[in-house]
Amino acid sequence: PSFLGDVNKFQVSWQLGSRVYTSVSGDDFKLYGWDKIDGLAKQHPKIMFHLYGNTKVWKSNQPNVFAHGRISKEKMNEEIKGMQAALRLTEHDGVSEIIVKAMLMGQYAFSILDITHTMKPDELDKLLEIKEPNLAGREYMLKTLNRFPWVCTRS
C-alpha cells in the first residue's frame, strides 16, 4: 500500500525539459544505484540528474549531476514538480514511492525493474524526444494504487 496520503495532491506538473531525479535513504549509495549515476550522466550529457536524500557528501565527476542532500519531503515534492522523470536504480524494492509520485505528476519513470508504464535506464535518451506528460502512467496509478483485494483467512 502507498503511504503518500491524498494522491490528489500530486497533480500533473510535468514540464518540457530533461531533468530526472532520484533519491537514497540511509546513505547506502550502492544499494540505491548511485554508483551508476556518473556513468549514466556521462552517457546522457543533455540530461540533468538531481539526487536527493543523502546525509553523507556525494561527489560526482559529471557537470550534469547535482546532489541536494537530505531535505524535507515537502521541499522535495515542491522541487521535483517541474521535472520530467524519476530514476530508480534499486533491483529489489518493487514500485517505490518515487516511481508512484512521478507517474501521479505526469512524469516518466525509469527503473531497472519491470514496472508497468516505466522505461529502462538505458532508454533515458527517449526523454529528450518526449513532448507531453505521461498521462497513461498517471491514469494507471490512479486506477491501481491502493486497490488490493485484501483477503483475511483463518486456519
C-alpha atoms as a PDB file:
ATOM      1  CA  PRO A   1       0.000   0.000   0.000  1.00  0.00           C
ATOM      2  CA  SER A   2       1.028   3.589  -0.569  1.00  0.00           C
ATOM      3  CA  PHE A   3       1.683   5.885   2.346  1.00  0.00           C
ATOM      4  CA  LEU A   4       1.524   9.037   0.237  1.00  0.00           C
ATOM      5  CA  GLY A   5      -1.753  10.108   1.761  1.00  0.00           C
ATOM      6  CA  ASP A   6      -4.079  12.006  -0.553  1.00  0.00           C
ATOM      7  CA  VAL A   7      -2.849  11.128  -4.056  1.00  0.00           C
ATOM      8  CA  ASN A   8      -4.897  14.022  -5.474  1.00  0.00           C
ATOM      9  CA  LYS A   9      -2.302  16.442  -4.091  1.00  0.00           C
ATOM     10  CA  PHE A  10       0.055  15.124  -6.777  1.00  0.00           C
ATOM     11  CA  GLN A  11      -1.333  16.903  -9.830  1.00  0.00           C
ATOM     12  CA  VAL A  12       0.218  16.866 -13.308  1.00  0.00           C
ATOM     13  CA  SER A  13       3.194  19.200 -13.113  1.00  0.00           C
ATOM     14  CA  TRP A  14       5.404  17.828 -15.886  1.00  0.00           C
ATOM     15  CA  GLN A  15       7.206  20.461 -17.958  1.00  0.00           C
ATOM     16  CA  LEU A  16       9.180  20.119 -21.162  1.00  0.00           C
ATOM     17  CA  GLY A  17      12.861  19.579 -20.453  1.00  0.00           C
ATOM     18  CA  SER A  18      15.428  16.993 -19.488  1.00  0.00           C
ATOM     19  CA  ARG A  19      15.681  16.765 -15.700  1.00  0.00           C
ATOM     20  CA  VAL A  20      15.484  13.497 -13.776  1.00  0.00           C
ATOM     21  CA  TYR A  21      15.635  12.870 -10.049  1.00  0.00           C
ATOM     22  CA  THR A  22      16.327  10.000  -7.727  1.00  0.00           C
ATOM     23  CA  SER A  23      16.717   9.514  -4.011  1.00  0.00           C
ATOM     24  CA  VAL A  24      18.617   7.492  -1.458  1.00  0.00           C
ATOM     25  CA  SER A  25      17.649   6.537   2.053  1.00  0.00           C
ATOM     26  CA  GLY A  26      20.220   5.787   4.708  1.00  0.00           C
ATOM     27  CA  ASP A  27      23.233   6.743   2.563  1.00  0.00           C
ATOM     28  CA  ASP A  28      23.540   3.255   1.092  1.00  0.00           C
ATOM     29  CA  PHE A  29      24.625   4.598  -2.274  1.00  0.00           C
ATOM     30  CA  LYS A  30      25.423   1.228  -3.821  1.00  0.00           C
ATOM     31  CA  LEU A  31      22.037  -0.234  -2.791  1.00  0.00           C
ATOM     32  CA  TYR A  32      20.246   2.676  -4.478  1.00  0.00           C
ATOM     33  CA  GLY A  33      22.426   2.512  -7.591  1.00  0.00           C
ATOM     34  CA  TRP A  34      24.127   5.859  -7.157  1.00  0.00           C
ATOM     35  CA  ASP A  35      27.395   4.188  -8.177  1.00  0.00           C
ATOM     36  CA  LYS A  36      25.847   4.076 -11.682  1.00  0.00           C
ATOM     37  CA  ILE A  37      24.871   7.770 -11.806  1.00  0.00           C
ATOM     38  CA  ASP A  38      28.199   9.092 -13.122  1.00  0.00           C
ATOM     39  CA  GLY A  39      28.122   6.572 -15.977  1.00  0.00           C
ATOM     40  CA  LEU A  40      24.544   7.470 -16.893  1.00  0.00           C
ATOM     41  CA  ALA A  41      25.316  11.195 -16.674  1.00  0.00           C
ATOM     42  CA  LYS A  42      28.337  10.767 -18.935  1.00  0.00           C
ATOM     43  CA  GLN A  43      26.244   8.768 -21.443  1.00  0.00           C
ATOM     44  CA  HIS A  44      23.456  11.365 -21.351  1.00  0.00           C
ATOM     45  CA  PRO A  45      25.147  14.787 -21.080  1.00  0.00           C
ATOM     46  CA  LYS A  46      21.965  16.664 -22.077  1.00  0.00           C
ATOM     47  CA  ILE A  47      20.062  15.277 -19.093  1.00  0.00           C
ATOM     48  CA  MET A  48      20.387  16.877 -15.662  1.00  0.00           C
ATOM     49  CA  PHE A  49      20.448  14.397 -12.751  1.00  0.00           C
ATOM     50  CA  HIS A  50      19.140  15.647  -9.391  1.00  0.00           C
ATOM     51  CA  LEU A  51      19.931  13.447  -6.387  1.00  0.00           C
ATOM     52  CA  TYR A  52      18.143  13.724  -3.029  1.00  0.00           C
ATOM     53  CA  GLY A  53      18.301  12.196   0.412  1.00  0.00           C
ATOM     54  CA  ASN A  54      21.988  11.828   1.166  1.00  0.00           C
ATOM     55  CA  THR A  55      23.422  12.910   4.519  1.00  0.00           C
ATOM     56  CA  LYS A  56      26.974  11.923   3.576  1.00  0.00           C
ATOM     57  CA  VAL A  57      28.729  14.004   0.949  1.00  0.00           C
ATOM     58  CA  TRP A  58      28.167  12.728  -2.587  1.00  0.00           C
ATOM     59  CA  LYS A  59      30.534  13.955  -5.266  1.00  0.00           C
ATOM     60  CA  SER A  60      30.255  13.441  -8.983  1.00  0.00           C
ATOM     61  CA  ASN A  61      32.768  13.977 -11.757  1.00  0.00           C
ATOM     62  CA  GLN A  62      29.968  14.962 -14.139  1.00  0.00           C
ATOM     63  CA  PRO A  63      28.775  18.577 -14.536  1.00  0.00           C
ATOM     64  CA  ASN A  64      25.162  17.433 -15.054  1.00  0.00           C
ATOM     65  CA  VAL A  65      24.835  15.769 -11.611  1.00  0.00           C
ATOM     66  CA  PHE A  66      23.517  17.766  -8.639  1.00  0.00           C
ATOM     67  CA  ALA A  67      23.342  16.307  -5.116  1.00  0.00           C
ATOM     68  CA  HIS A  68      20.879  18.248  -2.969  1.00  0.00           C
ATOM     69  CA  GLY A  69      21.306  16.282   0.269  1.00  0.00           C
ATOM     70  CA  ARG A  70      18.570  15.462   2.749  1.00  0.00           C
ATOM     71  CA  ILE A  71      15.654  17.876   2.690  1.00  0.00           C
ATOM     72  CA  SER A  72      12.100  17.639   3.939  1.00  0.00           C
ATOM     73  CA  LYS A  73       9.634  15.578   1.945  1.00  0.00           C
ATOM     74  CA  GLU A  74       7.545  18.715   1.383  1.00  0.00           C
ATOM     75  CA  LYS A  75      10.510  20.622  -0.062  1.00  0.00           C
ATOM     76  CA  MET A  76      11.492  17.708  -2.276  1.00  0.00           C
ATOM     77  CA  ASN A  77       7.908  17.358  -3.535  1.00  0.00           C
ATOM     78  CA  GLU A  78       7.979  21.051  -4.442  1.00  0.00           C
ATOM     79  CA  GLU A  79      11.372  20.832  -6.182  1.00  0.00           C
ATOM     80  CA  ILE A  80      10.504  17.792  -8.281  1.00  0.00           C
ATOM     81  CA  LYS A  81       7.234  19.229  -9.606  1.00  0.00           C
ATOM     82  CA  GLY A  82       8.755  20.678 -12.764  1.00  0.00           C
ATOM     83  CA  MET A  83      10.969  17.722 -13.586  1.00  0.00           C
ATOM     84  CA  GLN A  84      10.375  15.257 -16.370  1.00  0.00           C
ATOM     85  CA  ALA A  85      11.246  11.895 -14.891  1.00  0.00           C
ATOM     86  CA  ALA A  86      12.203   9.800 -11.887  1.00  0.00           C
ATOM     87  CA  LEU A  87      15.023   7.296 -11.919  1.00  0.00           C
ATOM     88  CA  ARG A  88      15.045   4.236  -9.671  1.00  0.00           C
ATOM     89  CA  LEU A  89      18.116   2.043  -9.773  1.00  0.00           C
ATOM     90  CA  THR A  90      17.405  -0.415  -6.953  1.00  0.00           C
ATOM     91  CA  GLU A  91      16.966  -4.000  -8.019  1.00  0.00           C
ATOM     92  CA  HIS A  92      14.522  -5.195  -5.385  1.00  0.00           C
ATOM     93  CA  ASP A  93      12.142  -2.650  -3.881  1.00  0.00           C
ATOM     94  CA  GLY A  94       9.156  -3.041  -6.164  1.00  0.00           C
ATOM     95  CA  VAL A  95       7.102   0.004  -7.121  1.00  0.00           C
ATOM     96  CA  SER A  96       8.765   2.630  -4.974  1.00  0.00           C
ATOM     97  CA  GLU A  97       7.307   5.910  -3.758  1.00  0.00           C
ATOM     98  CA  ILE A  98       9.476   7.847  -6.199  1.00  0.00           C
ATOM     99  CA  ILE A  99       8.016   5.927  -9.168  1.00  0.00           C
ATOM    100  CA  VAL A 100       4.462   6.428  -7.913  1.00  0.00           C
ATOM    101  CA  LYS A 101       4.948  10.178  -7.313  1.00  0.00           C
ATOM    102  CA  ALA A 102       6.472  10.637 -10.759  1.00  0.00           C
ATOM    103  CA  MET A 103       3.592   8.968 -12.537  1.00  0.00           C
ATOM    104  CA  LEU A 104       0.971  10.784 -10.473  1.00  0.00           C
ATOM    105  CA  MET A 105       2.604  14.066 -11.548  1.00  0.00           C
ATOM    106  CA  GLY A 106       2.558  13.020 -15.200  1.00  0.00           C
ATOM    107  CA  GLN A 107       6.288  12.414 -15.223  1.00  0.00           C
ATOM    108  CA  TYR A 108       8.068   9.453 -16.745  1.00  0.00           C
ATOM    109  CA  ALA A 109       9.719   6.758 -14.685  1.00  0.00           C
ATOM    110  CA  PHE A 110      12.865   4.816 -15.420  1.00  0.00           C
ATOM    111  CA  SER A 111      13.504   1.660 -13.411  1.00  0.00           C
ATOM    112  CA  ILE A 112      15.687  -1.410 -13.523  1.00  0.00           C
ATOM    113  CA  LEU A 113      12.600  -3.419 -12.558  1.00  0.00           C
ATOM    114  CA  ASP A 114       9.797  -4.314 -14.946  1.00  0.00           C
ATOM    115  CA  ILE A 115       7.027  -1.997 -13.785  1.00  0.00           C
ATOM    116  CA  THR A 116       4.024  -1.053 -15.910  1.00  0.00           C
ATOM    117  CA  HIS A 117       4.480   2.311 -17.673  1.00  0.00           C
ATOM    118  CA  THR A 118       8.206   2.586 -16.870  1.00  0.00           C
ATOM    119  CA  MET A 119      11.221   2.542 -19.146  1.00  0.00           C
ATOM    120  CA  LYS A 120      14.689   1.131 -18.555  1.00  0.00           C
ATOM    121  CA  PRO A 121      17.592   3.428 -17.594  1.00  0.00           C
ATOM    122  CA  ASP A 122      19.331   2.689 -20.909  1.00  0.00           C
ATOM    123  CA  GLU A 123      16.343   4.398 -22.589  1.00  0.00           C
ATOM    124  CA  LEU A 124      16.971   7.774 -20.927  1.00  0.00           C
ATOM    125  CA  ASP A 125      17.633   9.416 -24.309  1.00  0.00           C
ATOM    126  CA  LYS A 126      13.909   8.991 -25.086  1.00  0.00           C
ATOM    127  CA  LEU A 127      13.317  11.740 -22.530  1.00  0.00           C
ATOM    128  CA  LEU A 128      14.826  14.253 -24.961  1.00  0.00           C
ATOM    129  CA  GLU A 129      12.144  13.419 -27.553  1.00  0.00           C
ATOM    130  CA  ILE A 130       9.093  13.440 -25.270  1.00  0.00           C
ATOM    131  CA  LYS A 131       6.812  16.453 -25.678  1.00  0.00           C
ATOM    132  CA  GLU A 132       3.835  15.524 -23.453  1.00  0.00           C
ATOM    133  CA  PRO A 133       3.226  14.421 -19.872  1.00  0.00           C
ATOM    134  CA  ASN A 134       2.869  10.743 -19.032  1.00  0.00           C
ATOM    135  CA  LEU A 135      -0.917  10.738 -18.672  1.00  0.00           C
ATOM    136  CA  ALA A 136      -1.144   6.990 -19.281  1.00  0.00           C
ATOM    137  CA  GLY A 137       1.159   6.353 -16.308  1.00  0.00           C
ATOM    138  CA  ARG A 138      -0.854   8.746 -14.152  1.00  0.00           C
ATOM    139  CA  GLU A 139      -4.155   7.058 -15.029  1.00  0.00           C
ATOM    140  CA  TYR A 140      -2.645   3.653 -14.351  1.00  0.00           C
ATOM    141  CA  MET A 141      -1.510   4.748 -10.876  1.00  0.00           C
ATOM    142  CA  LEU A 142      -4.845   6.371 -10.055  1.00  0.00           C
ATOM    143  CA  LYS A 143      -6.692   3.180 -11.042  1.00  0.00           C
ATOM    144  CA  THR A 144      -4.406   0.682  -9.296  1.00  0.00           C
ATOM    145  CA  LEU A 145      -2.814   2.423  -6.296  1.00  0.00           C
ATOM    146  CA  ASN A 146      -4.107   1.028  -3.000  1.00  0.00           C
ATOM    147  CA  ARG A 147      -6.677  -1.143  -4.729  1.00  0.00           C
ATOM    148  CA  PHE A 148      -5.727  -4.560  -3.435  1.00  0.00           C
ATOM    149  CA  PRO A 149      -8.152  -7.409  -2.833  1.00  0.00           C
ATOM    150  CA  TRP A 150      -7.242  -7.836   0.842  1.00  0.00           C
ATOM    151  CA  VAL A 151      -8.244 -11.287   1.983  1.00  0.00           C
ATOM    152  CA  CYS A 152      -8.204 -12.471   5.567  1.00  0.00           C
ATOM    153  CA  THR A 153      -8.156 -16.206   6.089  1.00  0.00           C
ATOM    154  CA  ARG A 154      -8.192 -18.190   9.276  1.00  0.00           C
ATOM    155  CA  SER A 155      -6.700 -21.596   9.618  1.00  0.00           C
END
